[in-house]
Amino acid sequence: MPDAEEQIVRRLLTAIDHDASVSQRGLSDEIGIAVGSVNWYLKRCVNKGLIKLQQAPVKRYLYYLTPQGFDEKARLTASFIQSSFALYRLGRKECADFFRDCAQSDKQNVILAGDGDFAEIAVLSSLDTKSTARMVIDSASKRETCGGVPVVPNLKAALGQLDGPPGAILVSSLNDPKGTYHAIRAEAAAADLSPDIIHVPRILNYRPDRDD
């Protein structure tokens, strides 16, 4: 099972463990995927014996973890914690190197593309250098700041708040680095900015130059 799918299943099992009466809409909001995808993952977990269903009033279901489901949640949680430590250690170093290079090249107004855990690591890493992240772009984010840095929905909004053009844009989306790269590249082109200012960290395992 791919890492992204493992994390969806982990969050699904954790949410159900916390609240057996949670709705598919509630799971959708909690995990950040479409209701149709939630339904697909639920059916898959039922078929694997991780979840059992119980009929509830008003055409609702209660979801319960089976013993196998509890074991799988524990395994996925342990794996997530281990990978999180690796992500923090390696991501912190790579981001620090990136911001240090920006400082040495006098690149101002560094922007992050993608809110979340990796964006927080990037913001934290920038504090060790003379260059800092000025803005985080994420149209799906529900928060106003990331590590104290303003979060805005798109590049146009970011440019409206900066005192000059961005010197560099760092892709910081863990879930969809490829989609984020192409989205921010299109926005940059619309703003007459060179795609050369967009950087994708190696740790995200996406190479734009290897696109078909």
N, C-alpha and C. Protein backbone atom coordinates (compact mmCIF):
# COMPACT_ATOMS: atom_id res chain seq x y z
N MET A 1 0.85 -1.19 0.00
CA MET A 1 0.00 0.00 0.00
C MET A 1 0.89 1.25 0.00
N PRO A 2 0.71 2.15 -0.96
CA PRO A 2 1.54 3.35 -1.02
C PRO A 2 1.44 4.16 0.26
N ASP A 3 2.49 4.95 0.54
CA ASP A 3 2.54 5.73 1.77
C ASP A 3 1.34 6.65 1.92
N ALA A 4 0.93 7.32 0.84
CA ALA A 4 -0.20 8.25 0.91
C ALA A 4 -1.46 7.51 1.33
N GLU A 5 -1.67 6.33 0.79
CA GLU A 5 -2.84 5.53 1.13
C GLU A 5 -2.75 5.05 2.58
N GLU A 6 -1.56 4.69 3.01
CA GLU A 6 -1.38 4.24 4.40
C GLU A 6 -1.78 5.35 5.37
N GLN A 7 -1.42 6.58 5.05
CA GLN A 7 -1.75 7.68 5.94
C GLN A 7 -3.24 7.96 5.96
N ILE A 8 -3.91 7.79 4.82
CA ILE A 8 -5.37 7.94 4.77
C ILE A 8 -6.03 6.88 5.64
N VAL A 9 -5.56 5.63 5.50
CA VAL A 9 -6.13 4.54 6.30
C VAL A 9 -5.85 4.76 7.78
N ARG A 10 -4.64 5.21 8.12
CA ARG A 10 -4.31 5.49 9.52
C ARG A 10 -5.24 6.53 10.11
N ARG A 11 -5.45 7.62 9.39
CA ARG A 11 -6.31 8.69 9.88
C ARG A 11 -7.78 8.24 9.94
N LEU A 12 -8.18 7.39 8.98
CA LEU A 12 -9.54 6.85 8.98
C LEU A 12 -9.77 5.98 10.20
N LEU A 13 -8.85 5.06 10.48
CA LEU A 13 -8.98 4.17 11.62
C LEU A 13 -8.93 4.95 12.94
N THR A 14 -8.07 5.96 13.00
CA THR A 14 -7.95 6.77 14.21
C THR A 14 -9.23 7.54 14.48
N ALA A 15 -9.81 8.13 13.42
CA ALA A 15 -11.05 8.90 13.57
C ALA A 15 -12.19 8.01 14.03
N ILE A 16 -12.28 6.80 13.47
CA ILE A 16 -13.35 5.88 13.86
C ILE A 16 -13.14 5.38 15.28
N ASP A 17 -11.89 5.16 15.66
CA ASP A 17 -11.59 4.74 17.03
C ASP A 17 -12.03 5.81 18.04
N HIS A 18 -11.90 7.08 17.65
CA HIS A 18 -12.29 8.18 18.54
C HIS A 18 -13.80 8.37 18.59
N ASP A 19 -14.49 8.09 17.46
CA ASP A 19 -15.93 8.34 17.39
C ASP A 19 -16.58 7.37 16.42
N ALA A 20 -17.23 6.34 16.94
CA ALA A 20 -17.84 5.31 16.10
C ALA A 20 -19.01 5.86 15.28
N SER A 21 -19.60 6.97 15.74
CA SER A 21 -20.76 7.53 15.05
C SER A 21 -20.40 8.58 14.01
N VAL A 22 -19.10 8.77 13.77
CA VAL A 22 -18.69 9.79 12.81
C VAL A 22 -19.27 9.49 11.43
N SER A 23 -19.74 10.51 10.75
CA SER A 23 -20.34 10.33 9.42
C SER A 23 -19.26 10.33 8.34
N GLN A 24 -19.64 9.90 7.15
CA GLN A 24 -18.69 9.94 6.04
C GLN A 24 -18.32 11.38 5.71
N ARG A 25 -19.26 12.31 5.86
CA ARG A 25 -18.95 13.72 5.67
C ARG A 25 -17.94 14.19 6.72
N GLY A 26 -18.14 13.74 7.95
CA GLY A 26 -17.20 14.09 9.02
C GLY A 26 -15.82 13.53 8.75
N LEU A 27 -15.76 12.30 8.24
CA LEU A 27 -14.48 11.69 7.90
C LEU A 27 -13.82 12.44 6.74
N SER A 28 -14.64 12.87 5.80
CA SER A 28 -14.13 13.64 4.67
C SER A 28 -13.46 14.93 5.14
N ASP A 29 -14.13 15.64 6.06
CA ASP A 29 -13.57 16.89 6.59
C ASP A 29 -12.32 16.61 7.42
N GLU A 30 -12.33 15.52 8.18
CA GLU A 30 -11.21 15.19 9.07
C GLU A 30 -9.96 14.81 8.28
N ILE A 31 -10.15 14.02 7.23
CA ILE A 31 -9.01 13.49 6.48
C ILE A 31 -8.60 14.40 5.32
N GLY A 32 -9.59 15.13 4.78
CA GLY A 32 -9.28 16.01 3.68
C GLY A 32 -9.38 15.36 2.31
N ILE A 33 -10.27 14.35 2.19
CA ILE A 33 -10.50 13.72 0.89
C ILE A 33 -12.01 13.75 0.62
N ALA A 34 -12.39 13.50 -0.63
CA ALA A 34 -13.79 13.56 -1.03
C ALA A 34 -14.61 12.46 -0.34
N VAL A 35 -15.91 12.72 -0.18
CA VAL A 35 -16.80 11.75 0.46
C VAL A 35 -16.80 10.43 -0.31
N GLY A 36 -16.77 10.52 -1.64
CA GLY A 36 -16.71 9.30 -2.45
C GLY A 36 -15.48 8.48 -2.17
N SER A 37 -14.35 9.15 -1.93
CA SER A 37 -13.10 8.45 -1.59
C SER A 37 -13.20 7.82 -0.21
N VAL A 38 -13.85 8.53 0.73
CA VAL A 38 -14.06 7.97 2.07
C VAL A 38 -14.85 6.68 1.97
N ASN A 39 -15.91 6.69 1.17
CA ASN A 39 -16.75 5.50 1.00
C ASN A 39 -15.93 4.35 0.44
N TRP A 40 -15.04 4.63 -0.51
CA TRP A 40 -14.20 3.60 -1.12
C TRP A 40 -13.24 3.01 -0.09
N TYR A 41 -12.61 3.87 0.71
CA TYR A 41 -11.66 3.39 1.72
C TYR A 41 -12.38 2.61 2.81
N LEU A 42 -13.59 3.05 3.19
CA LEU A 42 -14.36 2.32 4.19
C LEU A 42 -14.69 0.90 3.71
N LYS A 43 -15.14 0.78 2.48
CA LYS A 43 -15.47 -0.53 1.93
C LYS A 43 -14.21 -1.41 1.88
N ARG A 44 -13.10 -0.79 1.53
CA ARG A 44 -11.85 -1.55 1.47
C ARG A 44 -11.45 -2.05 2.85
N CYS A 45 -11.61 -1.18 3.86
CA CYS A 45 -11.25 -1.58 5.23
C CYS A 45 -12.19 -2.66 5.76
N VAL A 46 -13.47 -2.58 5.37
CA VAL A 46 -14.43 -3.61 5.77
C VAL A 46 -14.04 -4.94 5.14
N ASN A 47 -13.70 -4.92 3.85
CA ASN A 47 -13.32 -6.15 3.14
C ASN A 47 -12.05 -6.76 3.72
N LYS A 48 -11.16 -5.91 4.25
CA LYS A 48 -9.91 -6.39 4.84
C LYS A 48 -10.09 -6.85 6.29
N GLY A 49 -11.30 -6.64 6.82
CA GLY A 49 -11.57 -7.06 8.19
C GLY A 49 -11.07 -6.09 9.24
N LEU A 50 -10.82 -4.83 8.84
CA LEU A 50 -10.32 -3.83 9.79
C LEU A 50 -11.46 -3.09 10.49
N ILE A 51 -12.61 -3.02 9.82
CA ILE A 51 -13.77 -2.28 10.34
C ILE A 51 -15.00 -3.15 10.21
N LYS A 52 -15.90 -3.05 11.20
CA LYS A 52 -17.21 -3.68 11.10
C LYS A 52 -18.28 -2.60 11.22
N LEU A 53 -19.41 -2.85 10.57
CA LEU A 53 -20.50 -1.88 10.55
C LEU A 53 -21.65 -2.34 11.41
N GLN A 54 -22.37 -1.37 11.95
CA GLN A 54 -23.60 -1.65 12.70
C GLN A 54 -24.66 -0.64 12.28
N GLN A 55 -25.83 -1.13 11.91
CA GLN A 55 -26.91 -0.25 11.47
C GLN A 55 -27.34 0.67 12.61
N ALA A 56 -27.53 1.95 12.29
CA ALA A 56 -28.00 2.94 13.26
C ALA A 56 -29.26 3.60 12.72
N PRO A 57 -30.01 4.31 13.57
CA PRO A 57 -31.23 4.98 13.09
C PRO A 57 -30.95 5.99 11.99
N VAL A 58 -32.01 6.33 11.27
CA VAL A 58 -31.98 7.35 10.21
C VAL A 58 -30.93 6.99 9.14
N LYS A 59 -30.94 5.73 8.75
CA LYS A 59 -30.08 5.26 7.66
C LYS A 59 -28.61 5.60 7.88
N ARG A 60 -28.17 5.48 9.11
CA ARG A 60 -26.77 5.74 9.44
C ARG A 60 -26.09 4.44 9.84
N TYR A 61 -24.79 4.47 9.89
CA TYR A 61 -24.01 3.33 10.34
C TYR A 61 -23.07 3.76 11.45
N LEU A 62 -22.80 2.83 12.35
CA LEU A 62 -21.74 3.02 13.33
C LEU A 62 -20.57 2.17 12.86
N TYR A 63 -19.38 2.72 12.99
CA TYR A 63 -18.17 2.03 12.55
C TYR A 63 -17.35 1.62 13.77
N TYR A 64 -16.91 0.39 13.79
CA TYR A 64 -16.09 -0.10 14.90
C TYR A 64 -14.83 -0.77 14.35
N LEU A 65 -13.73 -0.59 15.07
CA LEU A 65 -12.51 -1.28 14.68
C LEU A 65 -12.56 -2.71 15.18
N THR A 66 -12.13 -3.64 14.35
CA THR A 66 -11.99 -5.03 14.76
C THR A 66 -10.63 -5.17 15.46
N PRO A 67 -10.38 -6.29 16.14
CA PRO A 67 -9.04 -6.50 16.71
C PRO A 67 -7.94 -6.33 15.66
N GLN A 68 -8.21 -6.82 14.44
CA GLN A 68 -7.25 -6.65 13.35
C GLN A 68 -7.10 -5.17 13.01
N GLY A 69 -8.21 -4.42 13.11
CA GLY A 69 -8.17 -2.99 12.84
C GLY A 69 -7.32 -2.25 13.85
N PHE A 70 -7.44 -2.62 15.12
CA PHE A 70 -6.62 -2.00 16.17
C PHE A 70 -5.14 -2.28 15.93
N ASP A 71 -4.84 -3.52 15.54
CA ASP A 71 -3.45 -3.88 15.26
C ASP A 71 -2.90 -3.08 14.09
N GLU A 72 -3.72 -2.93 13.04
CA GLU A 72 -3.28 -2.19 11.86
C GLU A 72 -3.09 -0.71 12.19
N LYS A 73 -3.97 -0.15 13.01
CA LYS A 73 -3.84 1.26 13.41
C LYS A 73 -2.54 1.46 14.18
N ALA A 74 -2.21 0.53 15.07
CA ALA A 74 -0.97 0.62 15.84
C ALA A 74 0.24 0.53 14.93
N ARG A 75 0.18 -0.39 13.96
CA ARG A 75 1.31 -0.55 13.03
C ARG A 75 1.51 0.71 12.20
N LEU A 76 0.42 1.24 11.66
CA LEU A 76 0.52 2.43 10.82
C LEU A 76 0.97 3.65 11.62
N THR A 77 0.53 3.74 12.86
CA THR A 77 0.93 4.85 13.72
C THR A 77 2.42 4.79 14.01
N ALA A 78 2.92 3.60 14.32
CA ALA A 78 4.35 3.43 14.58
C ALA A 78 5.17 3.78 13.34
N SER A 79 4.71 3.34 12.19
CA SER A 79 5.40 3.63 10.94
C SER A 79 5.39 5.13 10.66
N PHE A 80 4.26 5.78 10.95
CA PHE A 80 4.14 7.22 10.72
C PHE A 80 5.10 8.00 11.62
N ILE A 81 5.19 7.58 12.88
CA ILE A 81 6.09 8.27 13.81
C ILE A 81 7.54 8.15 13.36
N GLN A 82 7.91 6.94 12.94
CA GLN A 82 9.28 6.72 12.48
C GLN A 82 9.59 7.56 11.24
N SER A 83 8.64 7.57 10.28
CA SER A 83 8.86 8.35 9.06
C SER A 83 8.83 9.84 9.35
N SER A 84 8.05 10.24 10.36
CA SER A 84 7.97 11.66 10.72
C SER A 84 9.31 12.16 11.25
N PHE A 85 9.98 11.32 12.05
CA PHE A 85 11.29 11.70 12.56
C PHE A 85 12.28 11.85 11.40
N ALA A 86 12.23 10.92 10.44
CA ALA A 86 13.12 10.99 9.29
C ALA A 86 12.79 12.22 8.45
N LEU A 87 11.50 12.48 8.27
CA LEU A 87 11.08 13.66 7.51
C LEU A 87 11.59 14.92 8.16
N TYR A 88 11.45 15.01 9.46
CA TYR A 88 11.89 16.21 10.17
C TYR A 88 13.40 16.40 10.03
N ARG A 89 14.16 15.34 10.25
CA ARG A 89 15.61 15.44 10.23
C ARG A 89 16.12 15.80 8.83
N LEU A 90 15.68 15.06 7.82
CA LEU A 90 16.16 15.29 6.47
C LEU A 90 15.57 16.57 5.87
N GLY A 91 14.28 16.79 6.15
CA GLY A 91 13.62 17.99 5.63
C GLY A 91 14.19 19.25 6.22
N ARG A 92 14.49 19.21 7.51
CA ARG A 92 15.06 20.38 8.17
C ARG A 92 16.41 20.76 7.54
N LYS A 93 17.24 19.78 7.26
CA LYS A 93 18.56 20.05 6.66
C LYS A 93 18.41 20.60 5.25
N GLU A 94 17.56 19.96 4.43
CA GLU A 94 17.43 20.40 3.05
C GLU A 94 16.82 21.81 2.98
N CYS A 95 15.84 22.08 3.81
CA CYS A 95 15.22 23.41 3.81
C CYS A 95 16.21 24.47 4.31
N ALA A 96 16.99 24.13 5.32
CA ALA A 96 17.99 25.07 5.83
C ALA A 96 19.00 25.40 4.74
N ASP A 97 19.42 24.39 3.99
CA ASP A 97 20.36 24.61 2.89
C ASP A 97 19.73 25.52 1.83
N PHE A 98 18.46 25.30 1.55
CA PHE A 98 17.75 26.11 0.56
C PHE A 98 17.69 27.58 0.99
N PHE A 99 17.28 27.82 2.23
CA PHE A 99 17.19 29.20 2.70
C PHE A 99 18.56 29.85 2.83
N ARG A 100 19.57 29.05 3.15
CA ARG A 100 20.92 29.59 3.23
C ARG A 100 21.40 30.03 1.84
N ASP A 101 21.07 29.23 0.83
CA ASP A 101 21.42 29.60 -0.55
C ASP A 101 20.67 30.86 -0.97
N CYS A 102 19.41 30.97 -0.56
CA CYS A 102 18.63 32.17 -0.88
C CYS A 102 19.27 33.41 -0.25
N ALA A 103 19.73 33.27 0.98
CA ALA A 103 20.36 34.39 1.67
C ALA A 103 21.65 34.80 0.98
N GLN A 104 22.44 33.81 0.58
CA GLN A 104 23.71 34.10 -0.08
C GLN A 104 23.51 34.73 -1.45
N SER A 105 22.39 34.37 -2.11
CA SER A 105 22.09 34.93 -3.44
C SER A 105 21.23 36.17 -3.35
N ASP A 106 20.95 36.63 -2.13
CA ASP A 106 20.13 37.81 -1.88
C ASP A 106 18.75 37.69 -2.52
N LYS A 107 18.16 36.48 -2.40
CA LYS A 107 16.80 36.26 -2.90
C LYS A 107 15.81 36.61 -1.80
N GLN A 108 15.03 37.65 -2.03
CA GLN A 108 14.06 38.12 -1.05
C GLN A 108 12.67 37.54 -1.35
N ASN A 109 11.77 37.71 -0.41
CA ASN A 109 10.36 37.31 -0.58
C ASN A 109 10.22 35.85 -1.00
N VAL A 110 10.75 34.96 -0.18
CA VAL A 110 10.62 33.52 -0.45
C VAL A 110 9.21 33.07 -0.09
N ILE A 111 8.59 32.32 -1.00
CA ILE A 111 7.22 31.84 -0.83
C ILE A 111 7.21 30.31 -0.76
N LEU A 112 6.36 29.76 0.10
CA LEU A 112 6.16 28.32 0.17
C LEU A 112 4.86 27.96 -0.54
N ALA A 113 4.87 26.89 -1.30
CA ALA A 113 3.68 26.43 -2.02
C ALA A 113 3.20 25.12 -1.40
N GLY A 114 2.18 25.21 -0.55
CA GLY A 114 1.64 24.03 0.11
C GLY A 114 1.74 24.15 1.61
N ASP A 115 0.60 24.17 2.29
CA ASP A 115 0.58 24.25 3.75
C ASP A 115 0.67 22.83 4.33
N GLY A 116 1.05 22.72 5.59
CA GLY A 116 1.10 21.41 6.24
C GLY A 116 2.38 21.20 7.02
N ASP A 117 2.65 19.93 7.34
CA ASP A 117 3.80 19.58 8.18
C ASP A 117 5.13 20.03 7.57
N PHE A 118 5.29 19.80 6.26
CA PHE A 118 6.57 20.14 5.64
C PHE A 118 6.75 21.66 5.56
N ALA A 119 5.66 22.38 5.37
CA ALA A 119 5.74 23.84 5.36
C ALA A 119 6.20 24.36 6.73
N GLU A 120 5.70 23.72 7.80
CA GLU A 120 6.12 24.12 9.14
C GLU A 120 7.61 23.83 9.35
N ILE A 121 8.09 22.70 8.83
CA ILE A 121 9.51 22.38 8.91
C ILE A 121 10.33 23.43 8.15
N ALA A 122 9.83 23.84 6.98
CA ALA A 122 10.53 24.84 6.18
C ALA A 122 10.60 26.18 6.91
N VAL A 123 9.49 26.59 7.50
CA VAL A 123 9.46 27.86 8.24
C VAL A 123 10.46 27.80 9.40
N LEU A 124 10.43 26.69 10.13
CA LEU A 124 11.35 26.52 11.25
C LEU A 124 12.80 26.54 10.78
N SER A 125 13.07 25.89 9.66
CA SER A 125 14.44 25.84 9.14
C SER A 125 14.93 27.21 8.72
N SER A 126 14.03 28.04 8.23
CA SER A 126 14.43 29.37 7.77
C SER A 126 14.90 30.25 8.91
N LEU A 127 14.49 29.93 10.12
CA LEU A 127 14.88 30.74 11.28
C LEU A 127 16.36 30.63 11.57
N ASP A 128 17.00 29.57 11.07
CA ASP A 128 18.44 29.37 11.28
C ASP A 128 19.27 30.13 10.25
N THR A 129 18.63 30.80 9.31
CA THR A 129 19.35 31.49 8.25
C THR A 129 18.97 32.97 8.24
N LYS A 130 19.58 33.71 7.31
CA LYS A 130 19.27 35.14 7.17
C LYS A 130 18.15 35.38 6.16
N SER A 131 17.57 34.29 5.65
CA SER A 131 16.44 34.39 4.73
C SER A 131 15.24 33.74 5.39
N THR A 132 14.06 34.27 5.17
CA THR A 132 12.86 33.73 5.80
C THR A 132 11.73 33.58 4.80
N ALA A 133 10.80 32.68 5.12
CA ALA A 133 9.59 32.53 4.30
C ALA A 133 8.64 33.69 4.60
N ARG A 134 8.14 34.31 3.56
CA ARG A 134 7.26 35.46 3.74
C ARG A 134 5.79 35.11 3.62
N MET A 135 5.50 34.02 2.88
CA MET A 135 4.11 33.69 2.60
C MET A 135 3.98 32.21 2.28
N VAL A 136 2.83 31.62 2.63
CA VAL A 136 2.53 30.24 2.27
C VAL A 136 1.28 30.26 1.39
N ILE A 137 1.33 29.58 0.26
CA ILE A 137 0.20 29.51 -0.67
C ILE A 137 -0.46 28.15 -0.58
N ASP A 138 -1.75 28.13 -0.32
CA ASP A 138 -2.50 26.87 -0.30
C ASP A 138 -3.99 27.18 -0.35
N SER A 139 -4.62 26.88 -1.46
CA SER A 139 -6.04 27.20 -1.63
C SER A 139 -6.94 26.35 -0.76
N ALA A 140 -6.43 25.19 -0.30
CA ALA A 140 -7.26 24.29 0.50
C ALA A 140 -7.04 24.45 2.00
N SER A 141 -6.06 25.25 2.40
CA SER A 141 -5.76 25.39 3.83
C SER A 141 -6.89 26.12 4.56
N LYS A 142 -7.14 25.67 5.78
CA LYS A 142 -8.20 26.27 6.59
C LYS A 142 -7.64 27.18 7.69
N ARG A 143 -6.32 27.37 7.69
CA ARG A 143 -5.75 28.22 8.73
C ARG A 143 -5.15 29.48 8.12
N GLU A 144 -4.99 30.47 8.96
CA GLU A 144 -4.53 31.78 8.50
C GLU A 144 -3.02 31.91 8.51
N THR A 145 -2.35 31.14 9.36
CA THR A 145 -0.89 31.21 9.44
C THR A 145 -0.29 29.82 9.55
N CYS A 146 0.97 29.73 9.17
CA CYS A 146 1.75 28.49 9.30
C CYS A 146 3.06 28.87 9.97
N GLY A 147 3.19 28.51 11.23
CA GLY A 147 4.40 28.89 11.96
C GLY A 147 4.59 30.39 12.04
N GLY A 148 3.47 31.13 12.05
CA GLY A 148 3.53 32.58 12.12
C GLY A 148 3.59 33.26 10.76
N VAL A 149 3.68 32.48 9.68
CA VAL A 149 3.74 33.02 8.33
C VAL A 149 2.33 33.02 7.73
N PRO A 150 1.90 34.13 7.12
CA PRO A 150 0.54 34.19 6.56
C PRO A 150 0.29 33.13 5.49
N VAL A 151 -0.91 32.55 5.51
CA VAL A 151 -1.32 31.58 4.50
C VAL A 151 -2.36 32.25 3.60
N VAL A 152 -2.13 32.23 2.30
CA VAL A 152 -3.04 32.84 1.33
C VAL A 152 -3.43 31.80 0.28
N PRO A 153 -4.54 32.01 -0.43
CA PRO A 153 -5.04 30.97 -1.34
C PRO A 153 -4.28 30.82 -2.65
N ASN A 154 -3.60 31.87 -3.12
CA ASN A 154 -2.94 31.78 -4.42
C ASN A 154 -1.79 32.78 -4.54
N LEU A 155 -1.04 32.66 -5.62
CA LEU A 155 0.11 33.52 -5.82
C LEU A 155 -0.29 34.97 -5.99
N LYS A 156 -1.40 35.22 -6.65
CA LYS A 156 -1.87 36.59 -6.85
C LYS A 156 -2.09 37.28 -5.51
N ALA A 157 -2.70 36.56 -4.57
CA ALA A 157 -2.92 37.13 -3.24
C ALA A 157 -1.61 37.39 -2.52
N ALA A 158 -0.65 36.49 -2.71
CA ALA A 158 0.66 36.66 -2.07
C ALA A 158 1.37 37.90 -2.62
N LEU A 159 1.35 38.04 -3.94
CA LEU A 159 2.01 39.18 -4.56
C LEU A 159 1.39 40.50 -4.12
N GLY A 160 0.11 40.46 -3.83
CA GLY A 160 -0.57 41.67 -3.39
C GLY A 160 -0.15 42.11 -2.01
N GLN A 161 0.47 41.20 -1.23
CA GLN A 161 0.87 41.53 0.13
C GLN A 161 2.39 41.71 0.28
N LEU A 162 3.14 41.34 -0.76
CA LEU A 162 4.60 41.46 -0.69
C LEU A 162 5.07 42.81 -1.21
N ASP A 163 6.25 43.20 -0.81
CA ASP A 163 6.79 44.48 -1.24
C ASP A 163 7.66 44.36 -2.48
N GLY A 164 7.57 43.23 -3.17
CA GLY A 164 8.33 43.00 -4.38
C GLY A 164 8.09 41.61 -4.90
N PRO A 165 8.63 41.27 -6.06
CA PRO A 165 8.43 39.93 -6.62
C PRO A 165 9.14 38.87 -5.79
N PRO A 166 8.66 37.64 -5.84
CA PRO A 166 9.33 36.57 -5.07
C PRO A 166 10.68 36.22 -5.68
N GLY A 167 11.66 36.03 -4.80
CA GLY A 167 12.97 35.61 -5.28
C GLY A 167 13.05 34.12 -5.48
N ALA A 168 12.21 33.38 -4.76
CA ALA A 168 12.20 31.92 -4.86
C ALA A 168 10.87 31.39 -4.33
N ILE A 169 10.45 30.27 -4.89
CA ILE A 169 9.24 29.59 -4.42
C ILE A 169 9.63 28.15 -4.11
N LEU A 170 9.37 27.72 -2.89
CA LEU A 170 9.69 26.35 -2.46
C LEU A 170 8.42 25.52 -2.39
N VAL A 171 8.34 24.45 -3.16
CA VAL A 171 7.19 23.54 -3.07
C VAL A 171 7.27 22.82 -1.74
N SER A 172 6.20 22.92 -0.95
CA SER A 172 6.22 22.35 0.41
C SER A 172 5.00 21.47 0.66
N SER A 173 4.45 20.91 -0.41
CA SER A 173 3.30 20.01 -0.29
C SER A 173 3.75 18.57 -0.21
N LEU A 174 3.45 17.90 0.89
CA LEU A 174 3.80 16.49 1.04
C LEU A 174 2.86 15.59 0.25
N ASN A 175 1.58 15.95 0.23
CA ASN A 175 0.57 15.07 -0.36
C ASN A 175 0.57 15.08 -1.88
N ASP A 176 0.85 16.22 -2.49
CA ASP A 176 0.79 16.30 -3.94
C ASP A 176 1.84 17.27 -4.48
N PRO A 177 3.12 16.92 -4.36
CA PRO A 177 4.16 17.84 -4.84
C PRO A 177 4.07 18.10 -6.35
N LYS A 178 3.72 17.07 -7.12
CA LYS A 178 3.62 17.25 -8.57
C LYS A 178 2.50 18.21 -8.93
N GLY A 179 1.32 17.98 -8.38
CA GLY A 179 0.19 18.86 -8.67
C GLY A 179 0.44 20.28 -8.20
N THR A 180 1.09 20.41 -7.03
CA THR A 180 1.39 21.73 -6.50
C THR A 180 2.40 22.45 -7.37
N TYR A 181 3.40 21.71 -7.84
CA TYR A 181 4.41 22.31 -8.71
C TYR A 181 3.78 22.86 -9.98
N HIS A 182 2.95 22.06 -10.64
CA HIS A 182 2.35 22.50 -11.89
C HIS A 182 1.36 23.65 -11.67
N ALA A 183 0.66 23.62 -10.54
CA ALA A 183 -0.28 24.70 -10.24
C ALA A 183 0.47 26.01 -10.01
N ILE A 184 1.53 25.96 -9.21
CA ILE A 184 2.27 27.19 -8.91
C ILE A 184 3.05 27.65 -10.15
N ARG A 185 3.47 26.72 -10.99
CA ARG A 185 4.15 27.11 -12.22
C ARG A 185 3.20 27.86 -13.14
N ALA A 186 1.95 27.39 -13.23
CA ALA A 186 0.95 28.08 -14.06
C ALA A 186 0.65 29.47 -13.50
N GLU A 187 0.55 29.57 -12.19
CA GLU A 187 0.30 30.88 -11.57
C GLU A 187 1.49 31.81 -11.79
N ALA A 188 2.70 31.26 -11.72
CA ALA A 188 3.89 32.07 -11.93
C ALA A 188 3.94 32.59 -13.37
N ALA A 189 3.58 31.72 -14.31
CA ALA A 189 3.57 32.13 -15.72
C ALA A 189 2.56 33.26 -15.95
N ALA A 190 1.40 33.15 -15.30
CA ALA A 190 0.38 34.19 -15.43
C ALA A 190 0.85 35.52 -14.86
N ALA A 191 1.79 35.45 -13.91
CA ALA A 191 2.34 36.67 -13.30
C ALA A 191 3.66 37.09 -13.93
N ASP A 192 3.99 36.47 -15.09
CA ASP A 192 5.24 36.76 -15.81
C ASP A 192 6.48 36.48 -14.96
N LEU A 193 6.43 35.42 -14.17
CA LEU A 193 7.58 35.01 -13.37
C LEU A 193 8.21 33.76 -13.98
N SER A 194 9.50 33.65 -13.93
CA SER A 194 10.21 32.51 -14.51
C SER A 194 9.98 31.25 -13.68
N PRO A 195 9.80 30.10 -14.33
CA PRO A 195 9.68 28.84 -13.59
C PRO A 195 10.96 28.46 -12.87
N ASP A 196 12.05 29.12 -13.23
CA ASP A 196 13.35 28.81 -12.62
C ASP A 196 13.39 29.16 -11.13
N ILE A 197 12.46 30.01 -10.68
CA ILE A 197 12.47 30.39 -9.26
C ILE A 197 11.79 29.33 -8.40
N ILE A 198 11.17 28.33 -9.03
CA ILE A 198 10.45 27.29 -8.29
C ILE A 198 11.40 26.14 -7.97
N HIS A 199 11.47 25.78 -6.70
CA HIS A 199 12.36 24.70 -6.25
C HIS A 199 11.54 23.59 -5.61
N VAL A 200 11.84 22.35 -5.99
CA VAL A 200 11.18 21.18 -5.39
C VAL A 200 12.21 20.41 -4.57
N PRO A 201 12.04 20.31 -3.25
CA PRO A 201 13.00 19.58 -2.42
C PRO A 201 13.14 18.12 -2.84
N ARG A 202 14.33 17.59 -2.77
CA ARG A 202 14.56 16.19 -3.14
C ARG A 202 13.74 15.23 -2.29
N ILE A 203 13.53 15.59 -1.03
CA ILE A 203 12.85 14.69 -0.11
C ILE A 203 11.40 14.44 -0.52
N LEU A 204 10.83 15.30 -1.36
CA LEU A 204 9.45 15.11 -1.81
C LEU A 204 9.33 14.08 -2.93
N ASN A 205 10.48 13.62 -3.43
CA ASN A 205 10.51 12.54 -4.43
C ASN A 205 9.75 12.88 -5.71
N TYR A 206 9.90 14.13 -6.15
CA TYR A 206 9.32 14.51 -7.44
C TYR A 206 10.34 15.34 -8.20
N ARG A 207 10.60 14.94 -9.46
CA ARG A 207 11.55 15.65 -10.30
C ARG A 207 10.81 16.23 -11.51
N PRO A 208 10.60 17.54 -11.56
CA PRO A 208 9.90 18.14 -12.71
C PRO A 208 10.55 17.82 -14.04
N ASP A 209 11.88 17.68 -14.06
CA ASP A 209 12.59 17.42 -15.30
C ASP A 209 12.38 15.99 -15.81
N ARG A 210 11.71 15.17 -15.01
CA ARG A 210 11.44 13.80 -15.43
C ARG A 210 9.98 13.58 -15.82
N ASP A 211 9.22 14.68 -15.90
CA ASP A 211 7.84 14.56 -16.35
C ASP A 211 7.82 14.09 -17.80
N ASP A 212 6.78 13.30 -18.11
CA ASP A 212 6.64 12.85 -19.50
C ASP A 212 6.24 14.03 -20.39
